[in-house]
All heavy atoms as atom14 arrays in JSON, in Angstrom:
{
  "sequence": "TLAWKTGDNEMEQMMNTFSSNFALSPQGNPVEIDGIVYQVF",
  "atom14_mask": [
    [1, 1, 1, 1, 1, 1, 1, 0, 0, 0, 0, 0, 0, 0],
    [1, 1, 1, 1, 1, 1, 1, 1, 0, 0, 0, 0, 0, 0],
    [1, 1, 1, 1, 1, 0, 0, 0, 0, 0, 0, 0, 0, 0],
    [1, 1, 1, 1, 1, 1, 1, 1, 1, 1, 1, 1, 1, 1],
    [1, 1, 1, 1, 1, 1, 1, 1, 1, 0, 0, 0, 0, 0],
    [1, 1, 1, 1, 1, 1, 1, 0, 0, 0, 0, 0, 0, 0],
    [1, 1, 1, 1, 0, 0, 0, 0, 0, 0, 0, 0, 0, 0],
    [1, 1, 1, 1, 1, 1, 1, 1, 0, 0, 0, 0, 0, 0],
    [1, 1, 1, 1, 1, 1, 1, 1, 0, 0, 0, 0, 0, 0],
    [1, 1, 1, 1, 1, 1, 1, 1, 1, 0, 0, 0, 0, 0],
    [1, 1, 1, 1, 1, 1, 1, 1, 0, 0, 0, 0, 0, 0],
    [1, 1, 1, 1, 1, 1, 1, 1, 1, 0, 0, 0, 0, 0],
    [1, 1, 1, 1, 1, 1, 1, 1, 1, 0, 0, 0, 0, 0],
    [1, 1, 1, 1, 1, 1, 1, 1, 0, 0, 0, 0, 0, 0],
    [1, 1, 1, 1, 1, 1, 1, 1, 0, 0, 0, 0, 0, 0],
    [1, 1, 1, 1, 1, 1, 1, 1, 0, 0, 0, 0, 0, 0],
    [1, 1, 1, 1, 1, 1, 1, 0, 0, 0, 0, 0, 0, 0],
    [1, 1, 1, 1, 1, 1, 1, 1, 1, 1, 1, 0, 0, 0],
    [1, 1, 1, 1, 1, 1, 0, 0, 0, 0, 0, 0, 0, 0],
    [1, 1, 1, 1, 1, 1, 0, 0, 0, 0, 0, 0, 0, 0],
    [1, 1, 1, 1, 1, 1, 1, 1, 0, 0, 0, 0, 0, 0],
    [1, 1, 1, 1, 1, 1, 1, 1, 1, 1, 1, 0, 0, 0],
    [1, 1, 1, 1, 1, 0, 0, 0, 0, 0, 0, 0, 0, 0],
    [1, 1, 1, 1, 1, 1, 1, 1, 0, 0, 0, 0, 0, 0],
    [1, 1, 1, 1, 1, 1, 0, 0, 0, 0, 0, 0, 0, 0],
    [1, 1, 1, 1, 1, 1, 1, 0, 0, 0, 0, 0, 0, 0],
    [1, 1, 1, 1, 1, 1, 1, 1, 1, 0, 0, 0, 0, 0],
    [1, 1, 1, 1, 0, 0, 0, 0, 0, 0, 0, 0, 0, 0],
    [1, 1, 1, 1, 1, 1, 1, 1, 0, 0, 0, 0, 0, 0],
    [1, 1, 1, 1, 1, 1, 1, 0, 0, 0, 0, 0, 0, 0],
    [1, 1, 1, 1, 1, 1, 1, 0, 0, 0, 0, 0, 0, 0],
    [1, 1, 1, 1, 1, 1, 1, 1, 1, 0, 0, 0, 0, 0],
    [1, 1, 1, 1, 1, 1, 1, 1, 0, 0, 0, 0, 0, 0],
    [1, 1, 1, 1, 1, 1, 1, 1, 0, 0, 0, 0, 0, 0],
    [1, 1, 1, 1, 0, 0, 0, 0, 0, 0, 0, 0, 0, 0],
    [1, 1, 1, 1, 1, 1, 1, 1, 0, 0, 0, 0, 0, 0],
    [1, 1, 1, 1, 1, 1, 1, 0, 0, 0, 0, 0, 0, 0],
    [1, 1, 1, 1, 1, 1, 1, 1, 1, 1, 1, 1, 0, 0],
    [1, 1, 1, 1, 1, 1, 1, 1, 1, 0, 0, 0, 0, 0],
    [1, 1, 1, 1, 1, 1, 1, 0, 0, 0, 0, 0, 0, 0],
    [1, 1, 1, 1, 1, 1, 1, 1, 1, 1, 1, 0, 0, 0]
  ],
  "atom14_positions": [
    [[15.29, 8.23, -7.9], [16.0, 9.51, -7.93], [15.0, 10.65, -7.96], [14.07, 10.64, -8.77], [16.91, 9.6, -9.17], [17.93, 8.61, -9.08], [17.57, 10.96, -9.26], [0.0, 0.0, 0.0], [0.0, 0.0, 0.0], [0.0, 0.0, 0.0], [0.0, 0.0, 0.0], [0.0, 0.0, 0.0], [0.0, 0.0, 0.0], [0.0, 0.0, 0.0]],
    [[15.17, 11.6, -7.07], [14.37, 12.81, -7.06], [15.16, 13.93, -7.73], [16.38, 13.97, -7.66], [14.0, 13.21, -5.64], [13.16, 12.19, -4.86], [12.81, 12.72, -3.48], [11.9, 11.81, -5.63], [0.0, 0.0, 0.0], [0.0, 0.0, 0.0], [0.0, 0.0, 0.0], [0.0, 0.0, 0.0], [0.0, 0.0, 0.0], [0.0, 0.0, 0.0]],
    [[14.44, 14.85, -8.37], [15.1, 15.93, -9.11], [14.36, 17.24, -8.9], [13.14, 17.26, -8.69], [15.16, 15.59, -10.6], [0.0, 0.0, 0.0], [0.0, 0.0, 0.0], [0.0, 0.0, 0.0], [0.0, 0.0, 0.0], [0.0, 0.0, 0.0], [0.0, 0.0, 0.0], [0.0, 0.0, 0.0], [0.0, 0.0, 0.0], [0.0, 0.0, 0.0]],
    [[15.11, 18.33, -8.93], [14.54, 19.66, -8.84], [15.47, 20.63, -9.55], [16.62, 20.29, -9.87], [14.33, 20.07, -7.37], [15.59, 20.13, -6.56], [16.39, 21.21, -6.33], [16.22, 19.04, -5.86], [17.46, 20.89, -5.53], [17.39, 19.56, -5.22], [15.91, 17.69, -5.69], [18.22, 18.76, -4.46], [16.76, 16.89, -4.93], [17.89, 17.43, -4.33]],
    [[14.98, 21.82, -9.81], [15.77, 22.8, -10.55], [16.85, 23.42, -9.67], [16.62, 23.69, -8.48], [14.86, 23.89, -11.11], [13.92, 23.4, -12.21], [13.08, 24.54, -12.77], [12.16, 24.03, -13.87], [11.32, 25.12, -14.44], [0.0, 0.0, 0.0], [0.0, 0.0, 0.0], [0.0, 0.0, 0.0], [0.0, 0.0, 0.0], [0.0, 0.0, 0.0]],
    [[18.01, 23.65, -10.26], [19.11, 24.3, -9.56], [18.66, 25.66, -9.02], [17.97, 26.42, -9.71], [20.29, 24.51, -10.52], [20.7, 23.24, -11.02], [21.45, 25.17, -9.8], [0.0, 0.0, 0.0], [0.0, 0.0, 0.0], [0.0, 0.0, 0.0], [0.0, 0.0, 0.0], [0.0, 0.0, 0.0], [0.0, 0.0, 0.0], [0.0, 0.0, 0.0]],
    [[19.03, 25.95, -7.78], [18.69, 27.22, -7.17], [17.41, 27.22, -6.37], [17.08, 28.23, -5.74], [0.0, 0.0, 0.0], [0.0, 0.0, 0.0], [0.0, 0.0, 0.0], [0.0, 0.0, 0.0], [0.0, 0.0, 0.0], [0.0, 0.0, 0.0], [0.0, 0.0, 0.0], [0.0, 0.0, 0.0], [0.0, 0.0, 0.0], [0.0, 0.0, 0.0]],
    [[16.68, 26.09, -6.35], [15.46, 26.0, -5.55], [15.86, 25.62, -4.13], [15.95, 24.44, -3.78], [14.51, 24.96, -6.15], [13.1, 25.04, -5.56], [12.98, 25.47, -4.39], [12.14, 24.7, -6.27], [0.0, 0.0, 0.0], [0.0, 0.0, 0.0], [0.0, 0.0, 0.0], [0.0, 0.0, 0.0], [0.0, 0.0, 0.0], [0.0, 0.0, 0.0]],
    [[16.11, 26.62, -3.32], [16.62, 26.39, -1.97], [15.65, 25.62, -1.08], [16.07, 24.88, -0.19], [16.99, 27.73, -1.32], [18.13, 28.42, -2.03], [19.01, 27.78, -2.58], [18.11, 29.76, -2.02], [0.0, 0.0, 0.0], [0.0, 0.0, 0.0], [0.0, 0.0, 0.0], [0.0, 0.0, 0.0], [0.0, 0.0, 0.0], [0.0, 0.0, 0.0]],
    [[14.34, 25.8, -1.31], [13.36, 25.1, -0.48], [13.45, 23.59, -0.7], [13.33, 22.81, 0.25], [11.95, 25.59, -0.78], [10.92, 25.11, 0.22], [9.6, 25.86, 0.11], [9.43, 26.65, -0.83], [8.74, 25.65, 0.98], [0.0, 0.0, 0.0], [0.0, 0.0, 0.0], [0.0, 0.0, 0.0], [0.0, 0.0, 0.0], [0.0, 0.0, 0.0]],
    [[13.69, 23.18, -1.95], [13.86, 21.76, -2.22], [15.14, 21.24, -1.56], [15.16, 20.12, -1.03], [13.92, 21.51, -3.73], [12.64, 21.8, -4.49], [11.21, 20.87, -3.88], [10.4, 22.12, -2.89], [0.0, 0.0, 0.0], [0.0, 0.0, 0.0], [0.0, 0.0, 0.0], [0.0, 0.0, 0.0], [0.0, 0.0, 0.0], [0.0, 0.0, 0.0]],
    [[16.19, 22.04, -1.59], [17.44, 21.65, -0.94], [17.2, 21.39, 0.55], [17.67, 20.4, 1.12], [18.48, 22.76, -1.1], [18.86, 23.07, -2.54], [19.98, 22.18, -3.06], [20.43, 21.3, -2.3], [20.39, 22.37, -4.22], [0.0, 0.0, 0.0], [0.0, 0.0, 0.0], [0.0, 0.0, 0.0], [0.0, 0.0, 0.0], [0.0, 0.0, 0.0]],
    [[16.44, 22.27, 1.19], [16.16, 22.14, 2.62], [15.29, 20.93, 2.91], [15.47, 20.23, 3.92], [15.5, 23.41, 3.14], [16.4, 24.64, 3.09], [15.66, 25.91, 3.44], [14.47, 25.89, 3.78], [16.36, 27.04, 3.35], [0.0, 0.0, 0.0], [0.0, 0.0, 0.0], [0.0, 0.0, 0.0], [0.0, 0.0, 0.0], [0.0, 0.0, 0.0]],
    [[14.33, 20.66, 2.0], [13.44, 19.52, 2.22], [14.18, 18.19, 2.23], [13.74, 17.23, 2.87], [12.34, 19.49, 1.15], [11.18, 20.42, 1.41], [9.92, 20.31, 0.13], [9.51, 18.56, 0.16], [0.0, 0.0, 0.0], [0.0, 0.0, 0.0], [0.0, 0.0, 0.0], [0.0, 0.0, 0.0], [0.0, 0.0, 0.0], [0.0, 0.0, 0.0]],
    [[15.3, 18.11, 1.51], [16.06, 16.88, 1.5], [16.59, 16.5, 2.88], [16.99, 15.37, 3.11], [17.23, 16.99, 0.51], [16.82, 17.1, -0.95], [15.83, 15.7, -1.57], [14.2, 16.49, -1.71], [0.0, 0.0, 0.0], [0.0, 0.0, 0.0], [0.0, 0.0, 0.0], [0.0, 0.0, 0.0], [0.0, 0.0, 0.0], [0.0, 0.0, 0.0]],
    [[16.58, 17.47, 3.8], [17.06, 17.21, 5.17], [15.92, 17.0, 6.16], [16.16, 16.85, 7.36], [17.92, 18.39, 5.65], [19.16, 18.59, 4.79], [19.81, 17.63, 4.43], [19.46, 19.84, 4.46], [0.0, 0.0, 0.0], [0.0, 0.0, 0.0], [0.0, 0.0, 0.0], [0.0, 0.0, 0.0], [0.0, 0.0, 0.0], [0.0, 0.0, 0.0]],
    [[14.68, 16.99, 5.68], [13.53, 16.87, 6.58], [12.68, 15.67, 6.24], [11.47, 15.68, 6.44], [12.67, 18.14, 6.54], [12.14, 18.31, 5.2], [13.46, 19.37, 6.93], [0.0, 0.0, 0.0], [0.0, 0.0, 0.0], [0.0, 0.0, 0.0], [0.0, 0.0, 0.0], [0.0, 0.0, 0.0], [0.0, 0.0, 0.0], [0.0, 0.0, 0.0]],
    [[13.3, 14.61, 5.73], [12.53, 13.45, 5.3], [12.44, 12.39, 6.41], [13.23, 12.37, 7.36], [13.16, 12.82, 4.05], [14.48, 12.15, 4.31], [14.53, 10.81, 4.65], [15.66, 12.86, 4.22], [15.74, 10.18, 4.9], [16.87, 12.25, 4.46], [16.91, 10.9, 4.81], [0.0, 0.0, 0.0], [0.0, 0.0, 0.0], [0.0, 0.0, 0.0]],
    [[11.45, 11.51, 6.26], [11.35, 10.33, 7.11], [10.93, 9.16, 6.24], [10.3, 9.34, 5.2], [10.33, 10.54, 8.24], [9.05, 10.81, 7.72], [0.0, 0.0, 0.0], [0.0, 0.0, 0.0], [0.0, 0.0, 0.0], [0.0, 0.0, 0.0], [0.0, 0.0, 0.0], [0.0, 0.0, 0.0], [0.0, 0.0, 0.0], [0.0, 0.0, 0.0]],
    [[11.29, 7.95, 6.63], [10.98, 6.78, 5.84], [10.86, 5.55, 6.72], [11.79, 5.23, 7.47], [12.04, 6.54, 4.76], [11.81, 5.31, 4.08], [0.0, 0.0, 0.0], [0.0, 0.0, 0.0], [0.0, 0.0, 0.0], [0.0, 0.0, 0.0], [0.0, 0.0, 0.0], [0.0, 0.0, 0.0], [0.0, 0.0, 0.0], [0.0, 0.0, 0.0]],
    [[9.72, 4.85, 6.62], [9.56, 3.59, 7.31], [10.2, 2.44, 6.53], [10.17, 1.29, 6.98], [8.07, 3.28, 7.51], [7.41, 4.24, 8.49], [8.05, 4.68, 9.44], [6.16, 4.57, 8.26], [0.0, 0.0, 0.0], [0.0, 0.0, 0.0], [0.0, 0.0, 0.0], [0.0, 0.0, 0.0], [0.0, 0.0, 0.0], [0.0, 0.0, 0.0]],
    [[10.74, 2.74, 5.35], [11.37, 1.73, 4.52], [12.89, 1.93, 4.45], [13.54, 1.4, 3.55], [10.76, 1.74, 3.12], [9.42, 1.06, 3.08], [8.29, 1.7, 3.59], [9.28, -0.21, 2.57], [7.06, 1.08, 3.58], [8.05, -0.84, 2.55], [6.93, -0.2, 3.06], [0.0, 0.0, 0.0], [0.0, 0.0, 0.0], [0.0, 0.0, 0.0]],
    [[13.43, 2.69, 5.39], [14.88, 2.91, 5.5], [15.47, 3.55, 4.25], [16.68, 3.41, 4.0], [15.6, 1.59, 5.81], [0.0, 0.0, 0.0], [0.0, 0.0, 0.0], [0.0, 0.0, 0.0], [0.0, 0.0, 0.0], [0.0, 0.0, 0.0], [0.0, 0.0, 0.0], [0.0, 0.0, 0.0], [0.0, 0.0, 0.0], [0.0, 0.0, 0.0]],
    [[14.67, 4.26, 3.48], [15.2, 4.99, 2.33], [16.04, 6.16, 2.83], [15.63, 6.91, 3.71], [14.07, 5.5, 1.45], [13.54, 4.55, 0.38], [12.21, 5.04, -0.17], [14.54, 4.38, -0.75], [0.0, 0.0, 0.0], [0.0, 0.0, 0.0], [0.0, 0.0, 0.0], [0.0, 0.0, 0.0], [0.0, 0.0, 0.0], [0.0, 0.0, 0.0]],
    [[17.2, 6.33, 2.23], [18.06, 7.44, 2.6], [18.89, 7.86, 1.39], [19.07, 7.08, 0.45], [18.99, 7.05, 3.76], [19.81, 5.97, 3.4], [0.0, 0.0, 0.0], [0.0, 0.0, 0.0], [0.0, 0.0, 0.0], [0.0, 0.0, 0.0], [0.0, 0.0, 0.0], [0.0, 0.0, 0.0], [0.0, 0.0, 0.0], [0.0, 0.0, 0.0]],
    [[19.39, 9.1, 1.38], [20.18, 9.57, 0.24], [21.44, 8.73, 0.05], [22.09, 8.31, 1.01], [20.54, 11.01, 0.63], [19.51, 11.39, 1.64], [19.2, 10.15, 2.39], [0.0, 0.0, 0.0], [0.0, 0.0, 0.0], [0.0, 0.0, 0.0], [0.0, 0.0, 0.0], [0.0, 0.0, 0.0], [0.0, 0.0, 0.0], [0.0, 0.0, 0.0]],
    [[21.77, 8.47, -1.19], [23.0, 7.77, -1.53], [23.93, 8.75, -2.23], [23.68, 9.16, -3.36], [22.73, 6.57, -2.43], [23.98, 5.75, -2.73], [23.69, 4.56, -3.61], [23.02, 4.7, -4.62], [24.19, 3.4, -3.23], [0.0, 0.0, 0.0], [0.0, 0.0, 0.0], [0.0, 0.0, 0.0], [0.0, 0.0, 0.0], [0.0, 0.0, 0.0]],
    [[25.0, 9.14, -1.53], [25.91, 10.13, -2.09], [25.34, 11.52, -2.03], [24.25, 11.76, -1.49], [0.0, 0.0, 0.0], [0.0, 0.0, 0.0], [0.0, 0.0, 0.0], [0.0, 0.0, 0.0], [0.0, 0.0, 0.0], [0.0, 0.0, 0.0], [0.0, 0.0, 0.0], [0.0, 0.0, 0.0], [0.0, 0.0, 0.0], [0.0, 0.0, 0.0]],
    [[26.07, 12.47, -2.58], [25.65, 13.86, -2.59], [24.81, 14.17, -3.82], [24.88, 13.47, -4.84], [26.88, 14.77, -2.58], [27.68, 14.63, -1.3], [27.12, 14.51, -0.22], [29.01, 14.62, -1.43], [0.0, 0.0, 0.0], [0.0, 0.0, 0.0], [0.0, 0.0, 0.0], [0.0, 0.0, 0.0], [0.0, 0.0, 0.0], [0.0, 0.0, 0.0]],
    [[23.99, 15.23, -3.77], [23.24, 15.64, -4.96], [24.2, 15.96, -6.11], [25.31, 16.44, -5.88], [22.49, 16.9, -4.49], [22.43, 16.78, -3.01], [23.69, 16.08, -2.6], [0.0, 0.0, 0.0], [0.0, 0.0, 0.0], [0.0, 0.0, 0.0], [0.0, 0.0, 0.0], [0.0, 0.0, 0.0], [0.0, 0.0, 0.0], [0.0, 0.0, 0.0]],
    [[23.75, 15.68, -7.32], [24.56, 15.93, -8.52], [23.81, 16.91, -9.41], [22.61, 16.73, -9.69], [24.84, 14.63, -9.28], [25.59, 14.91, -10.58], [25.63, 13.66, -8.41], [0.0, 0.0, 0.0], [0.0, 0.0, 0.0], [0.0, 0.0, 0.0], [0.0, 0.0, 0.0], [0.0, 0.0, 0.0], [0.0, 0.0, 0.0], [0.0, 0.0, 0.0]],
    [[24.48, 17.95, -9.87], [23.86, 18.97, -10.72], [24.32, 18.78, -12.17], [25.52, 18.71, -12.45], [24.24, 20.37, -10.24], [23.62, 21.48, -11.08], [24.03, 22.86, -10.6], [24.61, 22.96, -9.49], [23.8, 23.83, -11.34], [0.0, 0.0, 0.0], [0.0, 0.0, 0.0], [0.0, 0.0, 0.0], [0.0, 0.0, 0.0], [0.0, 0.0, 0.0]],
    [[23.34, 18.69, -13.08], [23.63, 18.56, -14.51], [22.63, 19.41, -15.29], [21.41, 19.22, -15.15], [23.54, 17.09, -14.98], [24.56, 16.22, -14.24], [23.78, 17.0, -16.49], [24.49, 14.76, -14.61], [0.0, 0.0, 0.0], [0.0, 0.0, 0.0], [0.0, 0.0, 0.0], [0.0, 0.0, 0.0], [0.0, 0.0, 0.0], [0.0, 0.0, 0.0]],
    [[23.13, 20.34, -16.08], [22.29, 21.14, -16.98], [21.11, 21.8, -16.27], [19.97, 21.77, -16.76], [21.78, 20.28, -18.14], [22.91, 19.77, -19.02], [23.94, 20.46, -19.11], [22.75, 18.68, -19.6], [0.0, 0.0, 0.0], [0.0, 0.0, 0.0], [0.0, 0.0, 0.0], [0.0, 0.0, 0.0], [0.0, 0.0, 0.0], [0.0, 0.0, 0.0]],
    [[21.37, 22.37, -15.09], [20.33, 23.12, -14.39], [19.37, 22.27, -13.58], [18.38, 22.79, -13.04], [0.0, 0.0, 0.0], [0.0, 0.0, 0.0], [0.0, 0.0, 0.0], [0.0, 0.0, 0.0], [0.0, 0.0, 0.0], [0.0, 0.0, 0.0], [0.0, 0.0, 0.0], [0.0, 0.0, 0.0], [0.0, 0.0, 0.0], [0.0, 0.0, 0.0]],
    [[19.62, 20.96, -13.47], [18.78, 20.07, -12.68], [19.65, 19.39, -11.63], [20.77, 18.95, -11.91], [18.11, 18.99, -13.57], [17.27, 19.64, -14.66], [17.24, 18.07, -12.7], [16.09, 20.45, -14.16], [0.0, 0.0, 0.0], [0.0, 0.0, 0.0], [0.0, 0.0, 0.0], [0.0, 0.0, 0.0], [0.0, 0.0, 0.0], [0.0, 0.0, 0.0]],
    [[19.13, 19.31, -10.4], [19.82, 18.63, -9.31], [19.16, 17.27, -9.11], [17.94, 17.16, -9.05], [19.75, 19.45, -8.01], [20.5, 18.73, -6.89], [20.34, 20.84, -8.22], [0.0, 0.0, 0.0], [0.0, 0.0, 0.0], [0.0, 0.0, 0.0], [0.0, 0.0, 0.0], [0.0, 0.0, 0.0], [0.0, 0.0, 0.0], [0.0, 0.0, 0.0]],
    [[20.0, 16.24, -8.99], [19.52, 14.87, -8.8], [20.0, 14.32, -7.46], [21.16, 14.49, -7.09], [20.04, 13.96, -9.92], [19.61, 14.36, -11.31], [20.4, 15.19, -12.08], [18.41, 13.89, -11.83], [20.01, 15.55, -13.37], [18.01, 14.25, -13.12], [18.81, 15.08, -13.87], [18.42, 15.45, -15.14], [0.0, 0.0, 0.0], [0.0, 0.0, 0.0]],
    [[19.09, 13.64, -6.74], [19.45, 12.97, -5.5], [18.88, 11.56, -5.51], [17.67, 11.37, -5.59], [18.93, 13.73, -4.28], [19.21, 13.05, -2.95], [20.71, 12.95, -2.65], [21.36, 13.95, -2.39], [21.26, 11.75, -2.68], [0.0, 0.0, 0.0], [0.0, 0.0, 0.0], [0.0, 0.0, 0.0], [0.0, 0.0, 0.0], [0.0, 0.0, 0.0]],
    [[19.77, 10.58, -5.41], [19.36, 9.18, -5.39], [19.0, 8.78, -3.96], [19.72, 9.12, -3.0], [20.48, 8.27, -5.92], [20.07, 6.81, -5.85], [20.83, 8.66, -7.36], [0.0, 0.0, 0.0], [0.0, 0.0, 0.0], [0.0, 0.0, 0.0], [0.0, 0.0, 0.0], [0.0, 0.0, 0.0], [0.0, 0.0, 0.0], [0.0, 0.0, 0.0]],
    [[17.88, 8.05, -3.78], [17.49, 7.45, -2.51], [17.47, 5.94, -2.7], [16.92, 5.43, -3.69], [16.11, 7.93, -2.07], [16.11, 9.29, -1.46], [16.14, 10.43, -2.26], [16.06, 9.46, -0.08], [16.13, 11.7, -1.71], [16.05, 10.73, 0.48], [16.09, 11.86, -0.33], [0.0, 0.0, 0.0], [0.0, 0.0, 0.0], [0.0, 0.0, 0.0]]
  ]
}
């Protein structure tokens, strides 16, 4: 799981510019809790 602070738009954009030779991809939508955004890969 990757995490970043809520409101960091650059991190939000980076989640759409990834590549992986190990077929890693986001599972579900990002979840926001207490000012932190979590994204499971």
